[in-house]
Amino acid sequence: MPDDISGTSLAGYGAETYARYHYTCVYCGFDGRGFDAWMQLTVDHIKPTSAGGKDDPDNLVPACHACNSITSRMPFTDTASREEILAQKRERVRQRRVLFHDYWLKTVAPHFLDRPLPSA
């Protein structure tokens, strides 16, 4: 197992992006400053490379795994601006979080939240 993480987004190509945005997901505000939270950060292309987006710093932002997954494969026009895409992605995250929360309340919470946590 390699002991160098420089080729990963966490310490390599994403490190500057995370620092520039204070280790915060630009879509939901997830705070990635703690170790376990930092491990959940990813680099997102605002305009996907599949839609002509580049790897330049203005097109890269930190996103938590959940938001990166929620916003993946969203279609954008070639003329959509950075701000328009960010707004569309933030709205998509907001809508999906509401749906996921409703699902969690109906299906997960009633079955598992009253069960004691396993002891460490």
N, C-alpha and C. Protein backbone atom coordinates (compact mmCIF):
# COMPACT_ATOMS: atom_id res chain seq x y z
N MET A 1 0.85 -1.19 0.00
CA MET A 1 0.00 0.00 0.00
C MET A 1 0.89 1.25 0.00
N PRO A 2 0.69 2.13 -0.96
CA PRO A 2 1.53 3.33 -1.00
C PRO A 2 1.28 4.22 0.21
N ASP A 3 2.35 4.86 0.70
CA ASP A 3 2.19 5.75 1.86
C ASP A 3 2.14 7.22 1.46
N ASP A 4 2.03 7.50 0.17
CA ASP A 4 1.98 8.85 -0.33
C ASP A 4 0.57 9.13 -0.87
N ILE A 5 -0.07 10.19 -0.37
CA ILE A 5 -1.43 10.51 -0.85
C ILE A 5 -1.43 11.73 -1.76
N SER A 6 -0.26 12.09 -2.29
CA SER A 6 -0.16 13.30 -3.10
C SER A 6 -0.95 13.22 -4.40
N GLY A 7 -1.26 12.03 -4.89
CA GLY A 7 -2.02 11.89 -6.12
C GLY A 7 -3.52 11.90 -5.91
N THR A 8 -3.97 12.11 -4.69
CA THR A 8 -5.40 12.12 -4.39
C THR A 8 -5.92 13.55 -4.32
N SER A 9 -7.23 13.68 -4.32
CA SER A 9 -7.80 15.03 -4.22
C SER A 9 -7.57 15.63 -2.83
N LEU A 10 -7.43 14.80 -1.81
CA LEU A 10 -7.30 15.32 -0.46
C LEU A 10 -5.97 16.03 -0.22
N ALA A 11 -4.89 15.52 -0.77
CA ALA A 11 -3.59 16.14 -0.52
C ALA A 11 -2.90 16.58 -1.81
N GLY A 12 -3.40 16.15 -2.93
CA GLY A 12 -2.77 16.48 -4.20
C GLY A 12 -3.50 17.60 -4.90
N TYR A 13 -4.15 17.24 -6.00
CA TYR A 13 -4.74 18.25 -6.87
C TYR A 13 -5.90 19.02 -6.24
N GLY A 14 -6.50 18.52 -5.18
CA GLY A 14 -7.63 19.22 -4.56
C GLY A 14 -7.26 20.10 -3.38
N ALA A 15 -6.05 19.95 -2.88
CA ALA A 15 -5.67 20.65 -1.66
C ALA A 15 -5.86 22.17 -1.75
N GLU A 16 -5.47 22.77 -2.85
CA GLU A 16 -5.63 24.22 -3.00
C GLU A 16 -7.10 24.61 -3.10
N THR A 17 -7.88 23.78 -3.78
CA THR A 17 -9.32 24.05 -3.91
C THR A 17 -9.98 24.01 -2.54
N TYR A 18 -9.68 23.00 -1.74
CA TYR A 18 -10.26 22.90 -0.39
C TYR A 18 -9.89 24.12 0.46
N ALA A 19 -8.62 24.47 0.44
CA ALA A 19 -8.16 25.60 1.25
C ALA A 19 -8.83 26.90 0.80
N ARG A 20 -8.95 27.10 -0.50
CA ARG A 20 -9.55 28.33 -1.04
C ARG A 20 -10.99 28.51 -0.55
N TYR A 21 -11.69 27.41 -0.35
CA TYR A 21 -13.09 27.47 0.09
C TYR A 21 -13.25 27.07 1.55
N HIS A 22 -12.15 27.08 2.30
CA HIS A 22 -12.17 26.82 3.74
C HIS A 22 -12.75 25.45 4.08
N TYR A 23 -12.47 24.46 3.24
CA TYR A 23 -12.87 23.07 3.50
C TYR A 23 -14.38 22.95 3.69
N THR A 24 -15.12 23.67 2.86
CA THR A 24 -16.58 23.70 2.97
C THR A 24 -17.21 23.35 1.62
N CYS A 25 -18.19 22.46 1.64
CA CYS A 25 -18.92 22.10 0.42
C CYS A 25 -19.67 23.34 -0.07
N VAL A 26 -19.48 23.68 -1.33
CA VAL A 26 -20.12 24.89 -1.87
C VAL A 26 -21.62 24.69 -2.10
N TYR A 27 -22.10 23.48 -2.04
CA TYR A 27 -23.51 23.22 -2.31
C TYR A 27 -24.37 23.14 -1.05
N CYS A 28 -23.86 22.51 0.00
CA CYS A 28 -24.68 22.35 1.20
C CYS A 28 -24.07 22.97 2.45
N GLY A 29 -22.82 23.41 2.36
CA GLY A 29 -22.17 24.02 3.51
C GLY A 29 -21.51 23.02 4.45
N PHE A 30 -21.43 21.75 4.06
CA PHE A 30 -20.79 20.72 4.87
C PHE A 30 -19.40 21.19 5.30
N ASP A 31 -19.12 21.10 6.59
CA ASP A 31 -17.85 21.54 7.15
C ASP A 31 -16.86 20.39 7.13
N GLY A 32 -15.85 20.49 6.29
CA GLY A 32 -14.88 19.42 6.14
C GLY A 32 -13.58 19.64 6.87
N ARG A 33 -13.59 20.42 7.95
CA ARG A 33 -12.35 20.72 8.65
C ARG A 33 -11.90 19.62 9.60
N GLY A 34 -12.82 18.83 10.14
CA GLY A 34 -12.43 17.72 11.01
C GLY A 34 -11.93 16.55 10.17
N PHE A 35 -11.15 15.67 10.77
CA PHE A 35 -10.54 14.59 10.01
C PHE A 35 -11.55 13.74 9.25
N ASP A 36 -12.55 13.18 9.93
CA ASP A 36 -13.52 12.32 9.24
C ASP A 36 -14.31 13.10 8.21
N ALA A 37 -14.62 14.35 8.50
CA ALA A 37 -15.34 15.18 7.53
C ALA A 37 -14.44 15.50 6.33
N TRP A 38 -13.18 15.81 6.58
CA TRP A 38 -12.23 16.08 5.50
C TRP A 38 -12.15 14.91 4.54
N MET A 39 -12.24 13.70 5.09
CA MET A 39 -12.19 12.50 4.26
C MET A 39 -13.40 12.40 3.32
N GLN A 40 -14.45 13.15 3.59
CA GLN A 40 -15.67 13.11 2.77
C GLN A 40 -15.66 14.16 1.66
N LEU A 41 -14.62 14.98 1.59
CA LEU A 41 -14.57 16.02 0.56
C LEU A 41 -14.11 15.46 -0.78
N THR A 42 -14.63 16.04 -1.83
CA THR A 42 -14.23 15.72 -3.20
C THR A 42 -14.07 17.03 -3.96
N VAL A 43 -13.45 16.96 -5.10
CA VAL A 43 -13.35 18.12 -5.98
C VAL A 43 -14.40 17.96 -7.07
N ASP A 44 -15.20 19.00 -7.25
CA ASP A 44 -16.24 18.97 -8.27
C ASP A 44 -15.90 19.99 -9.35
N HIS A 45 -16.12 19.60 -10.59
CA HIS A 45 -16.03 20.54 -11.71
C HIS A 45 -17.39 21.24 -11.78
N ILE A 46 -17.40 22.56 -11.63
CA ILE A 46 -18.67 23.29 -11.72
C ILE A 46 -19.31 22.96 -13.06
N LYS A 47 -18.61 23.24 -14.12
CA LYS A 47 -19.06 22.83 -15.45
C LYS A 47 -18.34 21.51 -15.74
N PRO A 48 -19.10 20.43 -15.86
CA PRO A 48 -18.47 19.12 -16.06
C PRO A 48 -17.58 19.10 -17.30
N THR A 49 -16.55 18.29 -17.24
CA THR A 49 -15.66 18.16 -18.39
C THR A 49 -16.43 17.64 -19.60
N SER A 50 -17.47 16.84 -19.35
CA SER A 50 -18.29 16.32 -20.44
C SER A 50 -19.07 17.42 -21.16
N ALA A 51 -19.22 18.57 -20.49
CA ALA A 51 -19.92 19.71 -21.10
C ALA A 51 -18.94 20.81 -21.48
N GLY A 52 -17.65 20.47 -21.54
CA GLY A 52 -16.65 21.44 -21.95
C GLY A 52 -15.92 22.13 -20.82
N GLY A 53 -16.20 21.71 -19.57
CA GLY A 53 -15.51 22.31 -18.43
C GLY A 53 -14.05 21.93 -18.40
N LYS A 54 -13.26 22.79 -17.83
CA LYS A 54 -11.81 22.59 -17.77
C LYS A 54 -11.37 22.27 -16.34
N ASP A 55 -10.10 21.92 -16.21
CA ASP A 55 -9.52 21.62 -14.90
C ASP A 55 -8.91 22.85 -14.23
N ASP A 56 -9.25 24.05 -14.71
CA ASP A 56 -8.65 25.24 -14.12
C ASP A 56 -9.31 25.56 -12.79
N PRO A 57 -8.61 26.26 -11.90
CA PRO A 57 -9.12 26.53 -10.54
C PRO A 57 -10.48 27.20 -10.49
N ASP A 58 -10.82 28.04 -11.46
CA ASP A 58 -12.13 28.70 -11.45
C ASP A 58 -13.28 27.74 -11.69
N ASN A 59 -12.98 26.55 -12.18
CA ASN A 59 -14.02 25.57 -12.44
C ASN A 59 -14.04 24.45 -11.40
N LEU A 60 -13.20 24.54 -10.38
CA LEU A 60 -13.11 23.50 -9.35
C LEU A 60 -13.57 24.03 -8.01
N VAL A 61 -14.41 23.25 -7.34
CA VAL A 61 -14.90 23.62 -6.00
C VAL A 61 -14.94 22.36 -5.14
N PRO A 62 -14.87 22.54 -3.82
CA PRO A 62 -15.04 21.38 -2.94
C PRO A 62 -16.51 21.02 -2.82
N ALA A 63 -16.77 19.73 -2.78
CA ALA A 63 -18.13 19.23 -2.57
C ALA A 63 -18.03 17.99 -1.70
N CYS A 64 -18.99 17.81 -0.82
CA CYS A 64 -19.03 16.56 -0.05
C CYS A 64 -19.43 15.44 -1.02
N HIS A 65 -19.17 14.22 -0.61
CA HIS A 65 -19.51 13.09 -1.49
C HIS A 65 -20.99 13.09 -1.88
N ALA A 66 -21.86 13.40 -0.91
CA ALA A 66 -23.30 13.38 -1.20
C ALA A 66 -23.67 14.39 -2.28
N CYS A 67 -23.20 15.62 -2.13
CA CYS A 67 -23.54 16.66 -3.11
C CYS A 67 -22.91 16.36 -4.47
N ASN A 68 -21.69 15.85 -4.47
CA ASN A 68 -21.05 15.52 -5.74
C ASN A 68 -21.86 14.44 -6.45
N SER A 69 -22.37 13.50 -5.69
CA SER A 69 -23.19 12.44 -6.28
C SER A 69 -24.53 13.00 -6.79
N ILE A 70 -25.15 13.85 -6.00
CA ILE A 70 -26.44 14.43 -6.36
C ILE A 70 -26.33 15.26 -7.64
N THR A 71 -25.23 15.98 -7.81
CA THR A 71 -25.10 16.88 -8.95
C THR A 71 -24.43 16.24 -10.16
N SER A 72 -23.99 15.00 -10.02
CA SER A 72 -23.34 14.36 -11.17
C SER A 72 -24.36 14.11 -12.27
N ARG A 73 -23.90 14.16 -13.46
CA ARG A 73 -24.69 13.89 -14.66
C ARG A 73 -25.82 14.90 -14.91
N MET A 74 -25.73 16.07 -14.28
CA MET A 74 -26.70 17.12 -14.59
C MET A 74 -26.33 17.71 -15.95
N PRO A 75 -27.30 17.89 -16.84
CA PRO A 75 -26.98 18.48 -18.14
C PRO A 75 -26.93 20.01 -18.05
N PHE A 76 -26.00 20.60 -18.78
CA PHE A 76 -25.88 22.05 -18.84
C PHE A 76 -25.65 22.47 -20.28
N THR A 77 -26.16 23.63 -20.63
CA THR A 77 -25.92 24.14 -21.97
C THR A 77 -24.49 24.66 -22.05
N ASP A 78 -23.97 24.74 -23.24
CA ASP A 78 -22.61 25.24 -23.44
C ASP A 78 -22.49 26.71 -23.03
N THR A 79 -23.61 27.42 -23.04
CA THR A 79 -23.57 28.85 -22.74
C THR A 79 -23.85 29.17 -21.27
N ALA A 80 -24.15 28.16 -20.46
CA ALA A 80 -24.45 28.41 -19.05
C ALA A 80 -23.22 28.97 -18.35
N SER A 81 -23.42 30.02 -17.57
CA SER A 81 -22.30 30.63 -16.85
C SER A 81 -21.99 29.85 -15.58
N ARG A 82 -20.84 30.14 -15.02
CA ARG A 82 -20.42 29.51 -13.76
C ARG A 82 -21.49 29.74 -12.69
N GLU A 83 -21.96 30.97 -12.55
CA GLU A 83 -22.95 31.32 -11.54
C GLU A 83 -24.28 30.60 -11.77
N GLU A 84 -24.69 30.49 -13.03
CA GLU A 84 -25.93 29.79 -13.35
C GLU A 84 -25.83 28.31 -12.99
N ILE A 85 -24.70 27.70 -13.30
CA ILE A 85 -24.51 26.28 -12.99
C ILE A 85 -24.48 26.07 -11.48
N LEU A 86 -23.74 26.92 -10.76
CA LEU A 86 -23.71 26.80 -9.30
C LEU A 86 -25.12 26.92 -8.72
N ALA A 87 -25.90 27.85 -9.21
CA ALA A 87 -27.28 28.03 -8.72
C ALA A 87 -28.13 26.80 -9.02
N GLN A 88 -27.99 26.24 -10.22
CA GLN A 88 -28.76 25.04 -10.58
C GLN A 88 -28.35 23.85 -9.71
N LYS A 89 -27.06 23.71 -9.46
CA LYS A 89 -26.59 22.60 -8.64
C LYS A 89 -27.05 22.76 -7.19
N ARG A 90 -26.99 23.99 -6.67
CA ARG A 90 -27.44 24.21 -5.29
C ARG A 90 -28.93 23.93 -5.15
N GLU A 91 -29.70 24.30 -6.15
CA GLU A 91 -31.15 24.02 -6.11
C GLU A 91 -31.40 22.53 -6.18
N ARG A 92 -30.68 21.83 -7.02
CA ARG A 92 -30.82 20.37 -7.12
C ARG A 92 -30.49 19.71 -5.78
N VAL A 93 -29.41 20.15 -5.13
CA VAL A 93 -29.04 19.61 -3.82
C VAL A 93 -30.16 19.89 -2.82
N ARG A 94 -30.68 21.12 -2.81
CA ARG A 94 -31.75 21.47 -1.87
C ARG A 94 -32.96 20.57 -2.05
N GLN A 95 -33.38 20.39 -3.30
CA GLN A 95 -34.55 19.54 -3.59
C GLN A 95 -34.31 18.09 -3.19
N ARG A 96 -33.15 17.56 -3.54
CA ARG A 96 -32.85 16.16 -3.24
C ARG A 96 -32.72 15.93 -1.73
N ARG A 97 -32.14 16.90 -1.01
CA ARG A 97 -32.02 16.75 0.44
C ARG A 97 -33.40 16.66 1.08
N VAL A 98 -34.35 17.43 0.59
CA VAL A 98 -35.72 17.36 1.11
C VAL A 98 -36.30 15.96 0.86
N LEU A 99 -36.13 15.46 -0.36
CA LEU A 99 -36.64 14.12 -0.67
C LEU A 99 -35.96 13.04 0.15
N PHE A 100 -34.62 13.12 0.27
CA PHE A 100 -33.89 12.12 1.06
C PHE A 100 -34.28 12.20 2.53
N HIS A 101 -34.47 13.40 3.05
CA HIS A 101 -34.87 13.55 4.45
C HIS A 101 -36.24 12.94 4.69
N ASP A 102 -37.18 13.21 3.80
CA ASP A 102 -38.51 12.61 3.93
C ASP A 102 -38.43 11.09 3.91
N TYR A 103 -37.64 10.54 3.01
CA TYR A 103 -37.46 9.09 2.92
C TYR A 103 -36.86 8.55 4.22
N TRP A 104 -35.83 9.24 4.72
CA TRP A 104 -35.16 8.82 5.96
C TRP A 104 -36.16 8.82 7.12
N LEU A 105 -36.98 9.89 7.22
CA LEU A 105 -37.95 9.96 8.30
C LEU A 105 -38.96 8.81 8.25
N LYS A 106 -39.35 8.42 7.06
CA LYS A 106 -40.36 7.37 6.90
C LYS A 106 -39.81 5.96 7.00
N THR A 107 -38.59 5.76 6.53
CA THR A 107 -38.09 4.39 6.44
C THR A 107 -36.95 4.03 7.38
N VAL A 108 -36.09 4.98 7.69
CA VAL A 108 -34.94 4.66 8.53
C VAL A 108 -35.22 4.98 9.99
N ALA A 109 -35.63 6.19 10.26
CA ALA A 109 -35.80 6.64 11.63
C ALA A 109 -36.71 5.73 12.46
N PRO A 110 -37.86 5.33 11.97
CA PRO A 110 -38.74 4.51 12.80
C PRO A 110 -38.17 3.14 13.16
N HIS A 111 -37.29 2.62 12.36
CA HIS A 111 -36.80 1.26 12.58
C HIS A 111 -35.49 1.18 13.35
N PHE A 112 -34.69 2.20 13.29
CA PHE A 112 -33.35 2.06 13.82
C PHE A 112 -32.96 3.05 14.90
N LEU A 113 -33.64 4.17 15.01
CA LEU A 113 -33.19 5.18 15.95
C LEU A 113 -33.47 4.82 17.40
N ASP A 114 -34.42 3.92 17.66
CA ASP A 114 -34.69 3.54 19.05
C ASP A 114 -33.80 2.39 19.51
N ARG A 115 -33.01 1.84 18.62
CA ARG A 115 -32.13 0.74 18.95
C ARG A 115 -30.85 1.32 19.57
N PRO A 116 -30.34 0.71 20.64
CA PRO A 116 -29.11 1.24 21.25
C PRO A 116 -27.93 1.09 20.31
N LEU A 117 -26.99 2.01 20.44
CA LEU A 117 -25.77 1.95 19.64
C LEU A 117 -24.88 0.83 20.17
N PRO A 118 -24.13 0.20 19.27
CA PRO A 118 -23.20 -0.84 19.74
C PRO A 118 -22.12 -0.22 20.61
N SER A 119 -21.69 -0.96 21.61
CA SER A 119 -20.63 -0.44 22.46
C SER A 119 -19.29 -0.54 21.75
N ALA A 120 -18.43 0.39 22.05
CA ALA A 120 -17.13 0.44 21.38
C ALA A 120 -16.17 -0.59 21.89
